[in-house]
Amino acid sequence: MVKPHPLIYFNLDEFACPCCGSGAQLMNKDFVYKLDSARGTANIPFVVTSGWRCPVHNLRVGGSIDSAHLQGLAADIEVTNAVDRWKILRALVYEGFTRIGIGPDFIHIDDDDSKPQRVAWLY
């Protein structure tokens, strides 16, 4: 269900494909609202480094052919230190995300319920 209020912390343009600038309007609204809530819970900025991806960009970055990014159900959030990583992870779990991937300088989050639901994995 899409919430009737505007986004507080994000602008949909932040989720556009980095290579072609398209796709922001294809982001799943429930996913974006949930991520917006997590941003408020964490009380620190979330810098989206990858949201929606066009198929060309997804191939370029080595994304899977069934990537949640292609469906507007995923985002990668930049992380620069351990304290922010903990705040972001805690907020994501609190808001109900169950698919969380932890990379060296980012956190992948998605809401693709067609994939196994696990709490976290490492890149």
PDB file of N, CA and C in Angstrom:
ATOM      1  N   MET A   1       0.834  -1.184   0.000  1.00  0.00           N
ATOM      2  CA  MET A   1       0.000   0.000   0.000  1.00  0.00           C
ATOM      3  C   MET A   1       0.876   1.243   0.000  1.00  0.00           C
ATOM      4  N   VAL A   2       0.651   2.158  -0.921  1.00  0.00           N
ATOM      5  CA  VAL A   2       1.413   3.392  -1.009  1.00  0.00           C
ATOM      6  C   VAL A   2       0.876   4.379   0.021  1.00  0.00           C
ATOM      7  N   LYS A   3       1.781   4.922   0.804  1.00  0.00           N
ATOM      8  CA  LYS A   3       1.371   5.876   1.833  1.00  0.00           C
ATOM      9  C   LYS A   3       0.976   7.197   1.178  1.00  0.00           C
ATOM     10  N   PRO A   4      -0.004   7.896   1.727  1.00  0.00           N
ATOM     11  CA  PRO A   4      -0.521   9.109   1.093  1.00  0.00           C
ATOM     12  C   PRO A   4       0.322  10.364   1.314  1.00  0.00           C
ATOM     13  N   HIS A   5       1.361  10.288   2.102  1.00  0.00           N
ATOM     14  CA  HIS A   5       2.159  11.487   2.366  1.00  0.00           C
ATOM     15  C   HIS A   5       3.378  11.543   1.444  1.00  0.00           C
ATOM     16  N   PRO A   6       3.972  12.710   1.295  1.00  0.00           N
ATOM     17  CA  PRO A   6       5.175  12.808   0.450  1.00  0.00           C
ATOM     18  C   PRO A   6       6.380  12.183   1.152  1.00  0.00           C
ATOM     19  N   LEU A   7       7.385  11.874   0.372  1.00  0.00           N
ATOM     20  CA  LEU A   7       8.638  11.390   0.948  1.00  0.00           C
ATOM     21  C   LEU A   7       9.243  12.495   1.802  1.00  0.00           C
ATOM     22  N   ILE A   8       9.858  12.112   2.887  1.00  0.00           N
ATOM     23  CA  ILE A   8      10.462  13.095   3.787  1.00  0.00           C
ATOM     24  C   ILE A   8      11.940  13.291   3.459  1.00  0.00           C
ATOM     25  N   TYR A   9      12.672  12.205   3.262  1.00  0.00           N
ATOM     26  CA  TYR A   9      14.123  12.281   3.139  1.00  0.00           C
ATOM     27  C   TYR A   9      14.662  12.080   1.729  1.00  0.00           C
ATOM     28  N   PHE A  10      13.889  11.449   0.877  1.00  0.00           N
ATOM     29  CA  PHE A  10      14.369  11.143  -0.462  1.00  0.00           C
ATOM     30  C   PHE A  10      13.597  11.901  -1.534  1.00  0.00           C
ATOM     31  N   ASN A  11      14.269  12.118  -2.641  1.00  0.00           N
ATOM     32  CA  ASN A  11      13.659  12.585  -3.873  1.00  0.00           C
ATOM     33  C   ASN A  11      13.769  11.392  -4.826  1.00  0.00           C
ATOM     34  N   LEU A  12      12.720  11.074  -5.540  1.00  0.00           N
ATOM     35  CA  LEU A  12      12.773   9.900  -6.428  1.00  0.00           C
ATOM     36  C   LEU A  12      13.934   9.952  -7.414  1.00  0.00           C
ATOM     37  N   ASP A  13      14.377  11.149  -7.796  1.00  0.00           N
ATOM     38  CA  ASP A  13      15.495  11.265  -8.738  1.00  0.00           C
ATOM     39  C   ASP A  13      16.763  10.601  -8.207  1.00  0.00           C
ATOM     40  N   GLU A  14      16.892  10.458  -6.891  1.00  0.00           N
ATOM     41  CA  GLU A  14      18.070   9.813  -6.311  1.00  0.00           C
ATOM     42  C   GLU A  14      18.154   8.337  -6.702  1.00  0.00           C
ATOM     43  N   PHE A  15      17.049   7.763  -7.167  1.00  0.00           N
ATOM     44  CA  PHE A  15      16.989   6.346  -7.509  1.00  0.00           C
ATOM     45  C   PHE A  15      17.141   6.092  -9.011  1.00  0.00           C
ATOM     46  N   ALA A  16      17.383   7.125  -9.811  1.00  0.00           N
ATOM     47  CA  ALA A  16      17.512   6.975 -11.261  1.00  0.00           C
ATOM     48  C   ALA A  16      18.776   6.180 -11.606  1.00  0.00           C
ATOM     49  N   CYS A  17      18.738   5.509 -12.738  1.00  0.00           N
ATOM     50  CA  CYS A  17      19.880   4.734 -13.216  1.00  0.00           C
ATOM     51  C   CYS A  17      21.087   5.658 -13.402  1.00  0.00           C
ATOM     52  N   PRO A  18      22.254   5.279 -12.863  1.00  0.00           N
ATOM     53  CA  PRO A  18      23.432   6.133 -12.982  1.00  0.00           C
ATOM     54  C   PRO A  18      23.934   6.329 -14.419  1.00  0.00           C
ATOM     55  N   CYS A  19      23.642   5.379 -15.312  1.00  0.00           N
ATOM     56  CA  CYS A  19      24.199   5.507 -16.664  1.00  0.00           C
ATOM     57  C   CYS A  19      23.301   6.295 -17.609  1.00  0.00           C
ATOM     58  N   CYS A  20      21.985   6.196 -17.427  1.00  0.00           N
ATOM     59  CA  CYS A  20      21.101   6.851 -18.402  1.00  0.00           C
ATOM     60  C   CYS A  20      20.093   7.815 -17.758  1.00  0.00           C
ATOM     61  N   GLY A  21      20.039   7.826 -16.430  1.00  0.00           N
ATOM     62  CA  GLY A  21      19.152   8.754 -15.738  1.00  0.00           C
ATOM     63  C   GLY A  21      17.683   8.383 -15.765  1.00  0.00           C
ATOM     64  N   SER A  22      17.370   7.192 -16.264  1.00  0.00           N
ATOM     65  CA  SER A  22      15.961   6.802 -16.344  1.00  0.00           C
ATOM     66  C   SER A  22      15.572   5.945 -15.151  1.00  0.00           C
ATOM     67  N   GLY A  23      14.296   5.624 -15.065  1.00  0.00           N
ATOM     68  CA  GLY A  23      13.812   4.623 -14.144  1.00  0.00           C
ATOM     69  C   GLY A  23      13.365   5.065 -12.772  1.00  0.00           C
ATOM     70  N   ALA A  24      13.636   6.303 -12.365  1.00  0.00           N
ATOM     71  CA  ALA A  24      13.240   6.723 -11.019  1.00  0.00           C
ATOM     72  C   ALA A  24      11.744   6.501 -10.795  1.00  0.00           C
ATOM     73  N   GLN A  25      10.952   6.770 -11.825  1.00  0.00           N
ATOM     74  CA  GLN A  25       9.499   6.601 -11.705  1.00  0.00           C
ATOM     75  C   GLN A  25       9.096   5.133 -11.645  1.00  0.00           C
ATOM     76  N   LEU A  26      10.035   4.220 -11.941  1.00  0.00           N
ATOM     77  CA  LEU A  26       9.752   2.784 -11.899  1.00  0.00           C
ATOM     78  C   LEU A  26      10.051   2.161 -10.538  1.00  0.00           C
ATOM     79  N   MET A  27      10.582   2.958  -9.619  1.00  0.00           N
ATOM     80  CA  MET A  27      10.844   2.426  -8.279  1.00  0.00           C
ATOM     81  C   MET A  27       9.523   2.051  -7.610  1.00  0.00           C
ATOM     82  N   ASN A  28       9.524   0.946  -6.913  1.00  0.00           N
ATOM     83  CA  ASN A  28       8.359   0.504  -6.166  1.00  0.00           C
ATOM     84  C   ASN A  28       8.120   1.499  -5.024  1.00  0.00           C
ATOM     85  N   LYS A  29       6.947   2.099  -5.016  1.00  0.00           N
ATOM     86  CA  LYS A  29       6.652   3.161  -4.042  1.00  0.00           C
ATOM     87  C   LYS A  29       6.681   2.639  -2.608  1.00  0.00           C
ATOM     88  N   ASP A  30       6.154   1.434  -2.367  1.00  0.00           N
ATOM     89  CA  ASP A  30       6.183   0.885  -1.010  1.00  0.00           C
ATOM     90  C   ASP A  30       7.626   0.706  -0.522  1.00  0.00           C
ATOM     91  N   PHE A  31       8.505   0.236  -1.422  1.00  0.00           N
ATOM     92  CA  PHE A  31       9.914   0.072  -1.076  1.00  0.00           C
ATOM     93  C   PHE A  31      10.527   1.417  -0.698  1.00  0.00           C
ATOM     94  N   VAL A  32      10.270   2.441  -1.507  1.00  0.00           N
ATOM     95  CA  VAL A  32      10.862   3.758  -1.261  1.00  0.00           C
ATOM     96  C   VAL A  32      10.344   4.353   0.047  1.00  0.00           C
ATOM     97  N   TYR A  33       9.050   4.222   0.320  1.00  0.00           N
ATOM     98  CA  TYR A  33       8.502   4.728   1.586  1.00  0.00           C
ATOM     99  C   TYR A  33       9.105   3.994   2.778  1.00  0.00           C
ATOM    100  N   LYS A  34       9.294   2.697   2.654  1.00  0.00           N
ATOM    101  CA  LYS A  34       9.891   1.916   3.735  1.00  0.00           C
ATOM    102  C   LYS A  34      11.338   2.350   3.970  1.00  0.00           C
ATOM    103  N   LEU A  35      12.067   2.578   2.888  1.00  0.00           N
ATOM    104  CA  LEU A  35      13.447   3.050   3.006  1.00  0.00           C
ATOM    105  C   LEU A  35      13.486   4.462   3.593  1.00  0.00           C
ATOM    106  N   ASP A  36      12.519   5.299   3.215  1.00  0.00           N
ATOM    107  CA  ASP A  36      12.411   6.646   3.764  1.00  0.00           C
ATOM    108  C   ASP A  36      12.200   6.574   5.287  1.00  0.00           C
ATOM    109  N   SER A  37      11.368   5.656   5.730  1.00  0.00           N
ATOM    110  CA  SER A  37      11.145   5.460   7.169  1.00  0.00           C
ATOM    111  C   SER A  37      12.423   5.008   7.868  1.00  0.00           C
ATOM    112  N   ALA A  38      13.174   4.107   7.222  1.00  0.00           N
ATOM    113  CA  ALA A  38      14.437   3.644   7.806  1.00  0.00           C
ATOM    114  C   ALA A  38      15.426   4.797   7.922  1.00  0.00           C
ATOM    115  N   ARG A  39      15.436   5.663   6.940  1.00  0.00           N
ATOM    116  CA  ARG A  39      16.316   6.844   6.991  1.00  0.00           C
ATOM    117  C   ARG A  39      15.974   7.708   8.204  1.00  0.00           C
ATOM    118  N   GLY A  40      14.689   7.897   8.474  1.00  0.00           N
ATOM    119  CA  GLY A  40      14.275   8.663   9.640  1.00  0.00           C
ATOM    120  C   GLY A  40      14.671   7.974  10.934  1.00  0.00           C
ATOM    121  N   THR A  41      14.534   6.672  10.974  1.00  0.00           N
ATOM    122  CA  THR A  41      14.902   5.901  12.164  1.00  0.00           C
ATOM    123  C   THR A  41      16.399   5.988  12.433  1.00  0.00           C
ATOM    124  N   ALA A  42      17.208   5.891  11.395  1.00  0.00           N
ATOM    125  CA  ALA A  42      18.665   5.950  11.549  1.00  0.00           C
ATOM    126  C   ALA A  42      19.138   7.343  11.949  1.00  0.00           C
ATOM    127  N   ASN A  43      18.415   8.363  11.518  1.00  0.00           N
ATOM    128  CA  ASN A  43      18.748   9.755  11.817  1.00  0.00           C
ATOM    129  C   ASN A  43      20.118  10.164  11.262  1.00  0.00           C
ATOM    130  N   ILE A  44      20.490   9.564  10.136  1.00  0.00           N
ATOM    131  CA  ILE A  44      21.675   9.970   9.385  1.00  0.00           C
ATOM    132  C   ILE A  44      21.318   9.906   7.903  1.00  0.00           C
ATOM    133  N   PRO A  45      22.015  10.656   7.058  1.00  0.00           N
ATOM    134  CA  PRO A  45      21.707  10.611   5.621  1.00  0.00           C
ATOM    135  C   PRO A  45      21.964   9.232   5.021  1.00  0.00           C
ATOM    136  N   PHE A  46      21.131   8.854   4.061  1.00  0.00           N
ATOM    137  CA  PHE A  46      21.341   7.663   3.244  1.00  0.00           C
ATOM    138  C   PHE A  46      21.689   8.171   1.844  1.00  0.00           C
ATOM    139  N   VAL A  47      22.874   7.876   1.362  1.00  0.00           N
ATOM    140  CA  VAL A  47      23.280   8.250   0.013  1.00  0.00           C
ATOM    141  C   VAL A  47      23.065   7.046  -0.892  1.00  0.00           C
ATOM    142  N   VAL A  48      22.121   7.163  -1.820  1.00  0.00           N
ATOM    143  CA  VAL A  48      21.797   6.074  -2.735  1.00  0.00           C
ATOM    144  C   VAL A  48      22.826   6.071  -3.865  1.00  0.00           C
ATOM    145  N   THR A  49      23.595   4.992  -3.969  1.00  0.00           N
ATOM    146  CA  THR A  49      24.570   4.879  -5.055  1.00  0.00           C
ATOM    147  C   THR A  49      24.026   4.075  -6.226  1.00  0.00           C
ATOM    148  N   SER A  50      22.959   3.292  -5.978  1.00  0.00           N
ATOM    149  CA  SER A  50      22.315   2.547  -7.042  1.00  0.00           C
ATOM    150  C   SER A  50      20.885   2.254  -6.620  1.00  0.00           C
ATOM    151  N   GLY A  51      19.952   2.662  -7.440  1.00  0.00           N
ATOM    152  CA  GLY A  51      18.537   2.365  -7.214  1.00  0.00           C
ATOM    153  C   GLY A  51      18.056   1.535  -8.381  1.00  0.00           C
ATOM    154  N   TRP A  52      17.195   2.127  -9.221  1.00  0.00           N
ATOM    155  CA  TRP A  52      16.739   1.420 -10.410  1.00  0.00           C
ATOM    156  C   TRP A  52      17.901   1.338 -11.389  1.00  0.00           C
ATOM    157  N   ARG A  53      18.034   0.203 -12.055  1.00  0.00           N
ATOM    158  CA  ARG A  53      19.070   0.022 -13.080  1.00  0.00           C
ATOM    159  C   ARG A  53      18.421  -0.382 -14.389  1.00  0.00           C
ATOM    160  N   CYS A  54      18.886   0.233 -15.473  1.00  0.00           N
ATOM    161  CA  CYS A  54      18.478  -0.252 -16.782  1.00  0.00           C
ATOM    162  C   CYS A  54      19.234  -1.552 -17.037  1.00  0.00           C
ATOM    163  N   PRO A  55      18.761  -2.407 -17.947  1.00  0.00           N
ATOM    164  CA  PRO A  55      19.440  -3.684 -18.210  1.00  0.00           C
ATOM    165  C   PRO A  55      20.903  -3.525 -18.632  1.00  0.00           C
ATOM    166  N   VAL A  56      21.215  -2.473 -19.371  1.00  0.00           N
ATOM    167  CA  VAL A  56      22.599  -2.249 -19.822  1.00  0.00           C
ATOM    168  C   VAL A  56      23.502  -1.983 -18.622  1.00  0.00           C
ATOM    169  N   HIS A  57      23.070  -1.080 -17.743  1.00  0.00           N
ATOM    170  CA  HIS A  57      23.879  -0.758 -16.563  1.00  0.00           C
ATOM    171  C   HIS A  57      23.990  -1.975 -15.636  1.00  0.00           C
ATOM    172  N   ASN A  58      22.904  -2.692 -15.460  1.00  0.00           N
ATOM    173  CA  ASN A  58      22.930  -3.872 -14.602  1.00  0.00           C
ATOM    174  C   ASN A  58      23.960  -4.879 -15.109  1.00  0.00           C
ATOM    175  N   LEU A  59      24.019  -5.081 -16.424  1.00  0.00           N
ATOM    176  CA  LEU A  59      25.008  -5.987 -17.020  1.00  0.00           C
ATOM    177  C   LEU A  59      26.427  -5.459 -16.787  1.00  0.00           C
ATOM    178  N   ARG A  60      26.615  -4.148 -16.986  1.00  0.00           N
ATOM    179  CA  ARG A  60      27.926  -3.513 -16.811  1.00  0.00           C
ATOM    180  C   ARG A  60      28.484  -3.699 -15.404  1.00  0.00           C
ATOM    181  N   VAL A  61      27.612  -3.616 -14.400  1.00  0.00           N
ATOM    182  CA  VAL A  61      28.088  -3.706 -13.017  1.00  0.00           C
ATOM    183  C   VAL A  61      28.075  -5.130 -12.473  1.00  0.00           C
ATOM    184  N   GLY A  62      27.736  -6.089 -13.318  1.00  0.00           N
ATOM    185  CA  GLY A  62      27.749  -7.484 -12.904  1.00  0.00           C
ATOM    186  C   GLY A  62      26.537  -7.908 -12.098  1.00  0.00           C
ATOM    187  N   GLY A  63      25.430  -7.166 -12.236  1.00  0.00           N
ATOM    188  CA  GLY A  63      24.196  -7.530 -11.538  1.00  0.00           C
ATOM    189  C   GLY A  63      23.596  -8.805 -12.104  1.00  0.00           C
ATOM    190  N   SER A  64      22.857  -9.515 -11.271  1.00  0.00           N
ATOM    191  CA  SER A  64      22.239 -10.756 -11.733  1.00  0.00           C
ATOM    192  C   SER A  64      21.109 -10.452 -12.713  1.00  0.00           C
ATOM    193  N   ILE A  65      20.769 -11.420 -13.535  1.00  0.00           N
ATOM    194  CA  ILE A  65      19.733 -11.200 -14.544  1.00  0.00           C
ATOM    195  C   ILE A  65      18.359 -11.007 -13.915  1.00  0.00           C
ATOM    196  N   ASP A  66      18.211 -11.445 -12.668  1.00  0.00           N
ATOM    197  CA  ASP A  66      16.942 -11.230 -11.970  1.00  0.00           C
ATOM    198  C   ASP A  66      17.098 -10.237 -10.813  1.00  0.00           C
ATOM    199  N   SER A  67      18.030  -9.308 -10.971  1.00  0.00           N
ATOM    200  CA  SER A  67      18.311  -8.323  -9.928  1.00  0.00           C
ATOM    201  C   SER A  67      17.059  -7.547  -9.520  1.00  0.00           C
ATOM    202  N   ALA A  68      16.905  -7.353  -8.231  1.00  0.00           N
ATOM    203  CA  ALA A  68      15.792  -6.542  -7.714  1.00  0.00           C
ATOM    204  C   ALA A  68      15.922  -5.086  -8.154  1.00  0.00           C
ATOM    205  N   HIS A  69      17.124  -4.655  -8.523  1.00  0.00           N
ATOM    206  CA  HIS A  69      17.322  -3.295  -9.046  1.00  0.00           C
ATOM    207  C   HIS A  69      16.527  -3.089 -10.343  1.00  0.00           C
ATOM    208  N   LEU A  70      16.401  -4.139 -11.141  1.00  0.00           N
ATOM    209  CA  LEU A  70      15.673  -4.052 -12.417  1.00  0.00           C
ATOM    210  C   LEU A  70      14.172  -3.901 -12.211  1.00  0.00           C
ATOM    211  N   GLN A  71      13.710  -4.221 -11.024  1.00  0.00           N
ATOM    212  CA  GLN A  71      12.284  -4.155 -10.709  1.00  0.00           C
ATOM    213  C   GLN A  71      11.932  -2.956  -9.834  1.00  0.00           C
ATOM    214  N   GLY A  72      12.936  -2.138  -9.494  1.00  0.00           N
ATOM    215  CA  GLY A  72      12.677  -0.997  -8.616  1.00  0.00           C
ATOM    216  C   GLY A  72      12.465  -1.403  -7.177  1.00  0.00           C
ATOM    217  N   LEU A  73      13.010  -2.548  -6.798  1.00  0.00           N
ATOM    218  CA  LEU A  73      12.836  -3.066  -5.441  1.00  0.00           C
ATOM    219  C   LEU A  73      14.136  -3.105  -4.654  1.00  0.00           C
ATOM    220  N   ALA A  74      15.156  -2.348  -5.094  1.00  0.00           N
ATOM    221  CA  ALA A  74      16.457  -2.413  -4.418  1.00  0.00           C
ATOM    222  C   ALA A  74      17.155  -1.066  -4.443  1.00  0.00           C
ATOM    223  N   ALA A  75      18.064  -0.914  -3.498  1.00  0.00           N
ATOM    224  CA  ALA A  75      18.933   0.261  -3.467  1.00  0.00           C
ATOM    225  C   ALA A  75      20.234  -0.131  -2.782  1.00  0.00           C
ATOM    226  N   ASP A  76      21.299   0.524  -3.179  1.00  0.00           N
ATOM    227  CA  ASP A  76      22.576   0.409  -2.494  1.00  0.00           C
ATOM    228  C   ASP A  76      22.823   1.738  -1.800  1.00  0.00           C
ATOM    229  N   ILE A  77      23.171   1.676  -0.523  1.00  0.00           N
ATOM    230  CA  ILE A  77      23.392   2.853   0.292  1.00  0.00           C
ATOM    231  C   ILE A  77      24.881   2.938   0.622  1.00  0.00           C
ATOM    232  N   GLU A  78      25.469   4.095   0.365  1.00  0.00           N
ATOM    233  CA  GLU A  78      26.883   4.304   0.668  1.00  0.00           C
ATOM    234  C   GLU A  78      27.121   4.262   2.176  1.00  0.00           C
ATOM    235  N   VAL A  79      28.222   3.609   2.570  1.00  0.00           N
ATOM    236  CA  VAL A  79      28.620   3.563   3.975  1.00  0.00           C
ATOM    237  C   VAL A  79      30.109   3.861   4.050  1.00  0.00           C
ATOM    238  N   THR A  80      30.481   4.817   4.913  1.00  0.00           N
ATOM    239  CA  THR A  80      31.883   5.230   4.982  1.00  0.00           C
ATOM    240  C   THR A  80      32.564   4.900   6.302  1.00  0.00           C
ATOM    241  N   ASN A  81      31.785   4.442   7.307  1.00  0.00           N
ATOM    242  CA  ASN A  81      32.410   4.107   8.587  1.00  0.00           C
ATOM    243  C   ASN A  81      31.536   3.110   9.358  1.00  0.00           C
ATOM    244  N   ALA A  82      32.125   2.491  10.361  1.00  0.00           N
ATOM    245  CA  ALA A  82      31.447   1.422  11.108  1.00  0.00           C
ATOM    246  C   ALA A  82      30.249   1.933  11.906  1.00  0.00           C
ATOM    247  N   VAL A  83      30.331   3.124  12.455  1.00  0.00           N
ATOM    248  CA  VAL A  83      29.227   3.651  13.249  1.00  0.00           C
ATOM    249  C   VAL A  83      28.000   3.872  12.367  1.00  0.00           C
ATOM    250  N   ASP A  84      28.191   4.488  11.201  1.00  0.00           N
ATOM    251  CA  ASP A  84      27.065   4.692  10.284  1.00  0.00           C
ATOM    252  C   ASP A  84      26.522   3.359   9.777  1.00  0.00           C
ATOM    253  N   ARG A  85      27.424   2.396   9.521  1.00  0.00           N
ATOM    254  CA  ARG A  85      26.988   1.078   9.070  1.00  0.00           C
ATOM    255  C   ARG A  85      26.045   0.474  10.110  1.00  0.00           C
ATOM    256  N   TRP A  86      26.401   0.548  11.383  1.00  0.00           N
ATOM    257  CA  TRP A  86      25.557   0.002  12.442  1.00  0.00           C
ATOM    258  C   TRP A  86      24.217   0.730  12.504  1.00  0.00           C
ATOM    259  N   LYS A  87      24.226   2.052  12.427  1.00  0.00           N
ATOM    260  CA  LYS A  87      22.977   2.823  12.490  1.00  0.00           C
ATOM    261  C   LYS A  87      22.048   2.468  11.336  1.00  0.00           C
ATOM    262  N   ILE A  88      22.616   2.339  10.141  1.00  0.00           N
ATOM    263  CA  ILE A  88      21.812   2.011   8.964  1.00  0.00           C
ATOM    264  C   ILE A  88      21.250   0.597   9.084  1.00  0.00           C
ATOM    265  N   LEU A  89      22.096  -0.364   9.426  1.00  0.00           N
ATOM    266  CA  LEU A  89      21.638  -1.752   9.561  1.00  0.00           C
ATOM    267  C   LEU A  89      20.548  -1.876  10.618  1.00  0.00           C
ATOM    268  N   ARG A  90      20.743  -1.244  11.747  1.00  0.00           N
ATOM    269  CA  ARG A  90      19.753  -1.311  12.827  1.00  0.00           C
ATOM    270  C   ARG A  90      18.415  -0.743  12.361  1.00  0.00           C
ATOM    271  N   ALA A  91      18.456   0.391  11.648  1.00  0.00           N
ATOM    272  CA  ALA A  91      17.223   1.019  11.156  1.00  0.00           C
ATOM    273  C   ALA A  91      16.535   0.160  10.104  1.00  0.00           C
ATOM    274  N   LEU A  92      17.307  -0.451   9.216  1.00  0.00           N
ATOM    275  CA  LEU A  92      16.719  -1.307   8.180  1.00  0.00           C
ATOM    276  C   LEU A  92      15.998  -2.496   8.792  1.00  0.00           C
ATOM    277  N   VAL A  93      16.627  -3.141   9.764  1.00  0.00           N
ATOM    278  CA  VAL A  93      16.003  -4.284  10.428  1.00  0.00           C
ATOM    279  C   VAL A  93      14.763  -3.822  11.196  1.00  0.00           C
ATOM    280  N   TYR A  94      14.865  -2.712  11.887  1.00  0.00           N
ATOM    281  CA  TYR A  94      13.736  -2.181  12.652  1.00  0.00           C
ATOM    282  C   TYR A  94      12.526  -1.930  11.740  1.00  0.00           C
ATOM    283  N   GLU A  95      12.772  -1.433  10.539  1.00  0.00           N
ATOM    284  CA  GLU A  95      11.688  -1.118   9.607  1.00  0.00           C
ATOM    285  C   GLU A  95      11.183  -2.344   8.849  1.00  0.00           C
ATOM    286  N   GLY A  96      11.786  -3.501   9.091  1.00  0.00           N
ATOM    287  CA  GLY A  96      11.251  -4.734   8.537  1.00  0.00           C
ATOM    288  C   GLY A  96      11.940  -5.279   7.302  1.00  0.00           C
ATOM    289  N   PHE A  97      13.071  -4.719   6.900  1.00  0.00           N
ATOM    290  CA  PHE A  97      13.802  -5.287   5.765  1.00  0.00           C
ATOM    291  C   PHE A  97      14.454  -6.593   6.199  1.00  0.00           C
ATOM    292  N   THR A  98      14.393  -7.590   5.325  1.00  0.00           N
ATOM    293  CA  THR A  98      15.014  -8.875   5.634  1.00  0.00           C
ATOM    294  C   THR A  98      16.083  -9.271   4.628  1.00  0.00           C
ATOM    295  N   ARG A  99      16.157  -8.581   3.502  1.00  0.00           N
ATOM    296  CA  ARG A  99      17.184  -8.874   2.489  1.00  0.00           C
ATOM    297  C   ARG A  99      18.205  -7.747   2.502  1.00  0.00           C
ATOM    298  N   ILE A 100      19.323  -7.995   3.195  1.00  0.00           N
ATOM    299  CA  ILE A 100      20.350  -6.979   3.391  1.00  0.00           C
ATOM    300  C   ILE A 100      21.696  -7.575   3.019  1.00  0.00           C
ATOM    301  N   GLY A 101      22.389  -6.951   2.081  1.00  0.00           N
ATOM    302  CA  GLY A 101      23.729  -7.374   1.702  1.00  0.00           C
ATOM    303  C   GLY A 101      24.726  -6.330   2.164  1.00  0.00           C
ATOM    304  N   ILE A 102      25.809  -6.776   2.774  1.00  0.00           N
ATOM    305  CA  ILE A 102      26.794  -5.854   3.330  1.00  0.00           C
ATOM    306  C   ILE A 102      28.071  -5.929   2.513  1.00  0.00           C
ATOM    307  N   GLY A 103      28.413  -4.803   1.884  1.00  0.00           N
ATOM    308  CA  GLY A 103      29.638  -4.691   1.114  1.00  0.00           C
ATOM    309  C   GLY A 103      30.655  -3.851   1.858  1.00  0.00           C
ATOM    310  N   PRO A 104      31.857  -3.737   1.308  1.00  0.00           N
ATOM    311  CA  PRO A 104      32.915  -2.979   2.003  1.00  0.00           C
ATOM    312  C   PRO A 104      32.589  -1.488   2.168  1.00  0.00           C
ATOM    313  N   ASP A 105      31.853  -0.913   1.212  1.00  0.00           N
ATOM    314  CA  ASP A 105      31.545   0.521   1.298  1.00  0.00           C
ATOM    315  C   ASP A 105      30.081   0.826   0.964  1.00  0.00           C
ATOM    316  N   PHE A 106      29.237  -0.196   1.056  1.00  0.00           N
ATOM    317  CA  PHE A 106      27.809  -0.003   0.777  1.00  0.00           C
ATOM    318  C   PHE A 106      26.988  -1.077   1.484  1.00  0.00           C
ATOM    319  N   ILE A 107      25.701  -0.798   1.586  1.00  0.00           N
ATOM    320  CA  ILE A 107      24.733  -1.779   2.054  1.00  0.00           C
ATOM    321  C   ILE A 107      23.681  -1.906   0.972  1.00  0.00           C
ATOM    322  N   HIS A 108      23.461  -3.129   0.518  1.00  0.00           N
ATOM    323  CA  HIS A 108      22.398  -3.414  -0.451  1.00  0.00           C
ATOM    324  C   HIS A 108      21.152  -3.768   0.336  1.00  0.00           C
ATOM    325  N   ILE A 109      20.035  -3.212  -0.088  1.00  0.00           N
ATOM    326  CA  ILE A 109      18.765  -3.515   0.550  1.00  0.00           C
ATOM    327  C   ILE A 109      17.747  -3.781  -0.540  1.00  0.00           C
ATOM    328  N   ASP A 110      16.964  -4.835  -0.369  1.00  0.00           N
ATOM    329  CA  ASP A 110      15.884  -5.033  -1.334  1.00  0.00           C
ATOM    330  C   ASP A 110      14.677  -5.670  -0.663  1.00  0.00           C
ATOM    331  N   ASP A 111      13.568  -5.581  -1.351  1.00  0.00           N
ATOM    332  CA  ASP A 111      12.290  -6.097  -0.854  1.00  0.00           C
ATOM    333  C   ASP A 111      11.686  -7.056  -1.872  1.00  0.00           C
ATOM    334  N   ASP A 112      12.543  -7.873  -2.485  1.00  0.00           N
ATOM    335  CA  ASP A 112      12.092  -8.818  -3.494  1.00  0.00           C
ATOM    336  C   ASP A 112      11.642 -10.097  -2.815  1.00  0.00           C
ATOM    337  N   ASP A 113      10.331 -10.255  -2.644  1.00  0.00           N
ATOM    338  CA  ASP A 113       9.826 -11.420  -1.918  1.00  0.00           C
ATOM    339  C   ASP A 113       9.835 -12.702  -2.749  1.00  0.00           C
ATOM    340  N   SER A 114      10.300 -12.621  -4.007  1.00  0.00           N
ATOM    341  CA  SER A 114      10.435 -13.834  -4.807  1.00  0.00           C
ATOM    342  C   SER A 114      11.779 -14.518  -4.541  1.00  0.00           C
ATOM    343  N   LYS A 115      12.627 -13.884  -3.741  1.00  0.00           N
ATOM    344  CA  LYS A 115      13.949 -14.419  -3.430  1.00  0.00           C
ATOM    345  C   LYS A 115      13.989 -14.860  -1.969  1.00  0.00           C
ATOM    346  N   PRO A 116      14.949 -15.725  -1.629  1.00  0.00           N
ATOM    347  CA  PRO A 116      15.048 -16.173  -0.231  1.00  0.00           C
ATOM    348  C   PRO A 116      15.147 -14.993   0.726  1.00  0.00           C
ATOM    349  N   GLN A 117      14.428 -15.095   1.817  1.00  0.00           N
ATOM    350  CA  GLN A 117      14.437 -14.035   2.823  1.00  0.00           C
ATOM    351  C   GLN A 117      15.463 -14.399   3.892  1.00  0.00           C
ATOM    352  N   ARG A 118      16.583 -13.699   3.863  1.00  0.00           N
ATOM    353  CA  ARG A 118      17.609 -13.921   4.873  1.00  0.00           C
ATOM    354  C   ARG A 118      18.005 -12.572   5.443  1.00  0.00           C
ATOM    355  N   VAL A 119      18.498 -12.571   6.623  1.00  0.00           N
ATOM    356  CA  VAL A 119      18.754 -11.302   7.289  1.00  0.00           C
ATOM    357  C   VAL A 119      19.915 -10.559   6.637  1.00  0.00           C
ATOM    358  N   ALA A 120      21.010 -11.207   6.361  1.00  0.00           N
ATOM    359  CA  ALA A 120      22.155 -10.482   5.793  1.00  0.00           C
ATOM    360  C   ALA A 120      23.098 -11.446   5.086  1.00  0.00           C
ATOM    361  N   TRP A 121      23.831 -10.900   4.129  1.00  0.00           N
ATOM    362  CA  TRP A 121      24.900 -11.634   3.484  1.00  0.00           C
ATOM    363  C   TRP A 121      26.024 -10.664   3.204  1.00  0.00           C
ATOM    364  N   LEU A 122      27.216 -11.183   2.967  1.00  0.00           N
ATOM    365  CA  LEU A 122      28.398 -10.362   2.698  1.00  0.00           C
ATOM    366  C   LEU A 122      28.777 -10.441   1.234  1.00  0.00           C
ATOM    367  N   TYR A 123      29.247  -9.317   0.703  1.00  0.00           N
ATOM    368  CA  TYR A 123      29.774  -9.279  -0.665  1.00  0.00           C
ATOM    369  C   TYR A 123      31.258  -9.453  -0.625  1.00  0.00           C
TER     370      TYR A 123
END
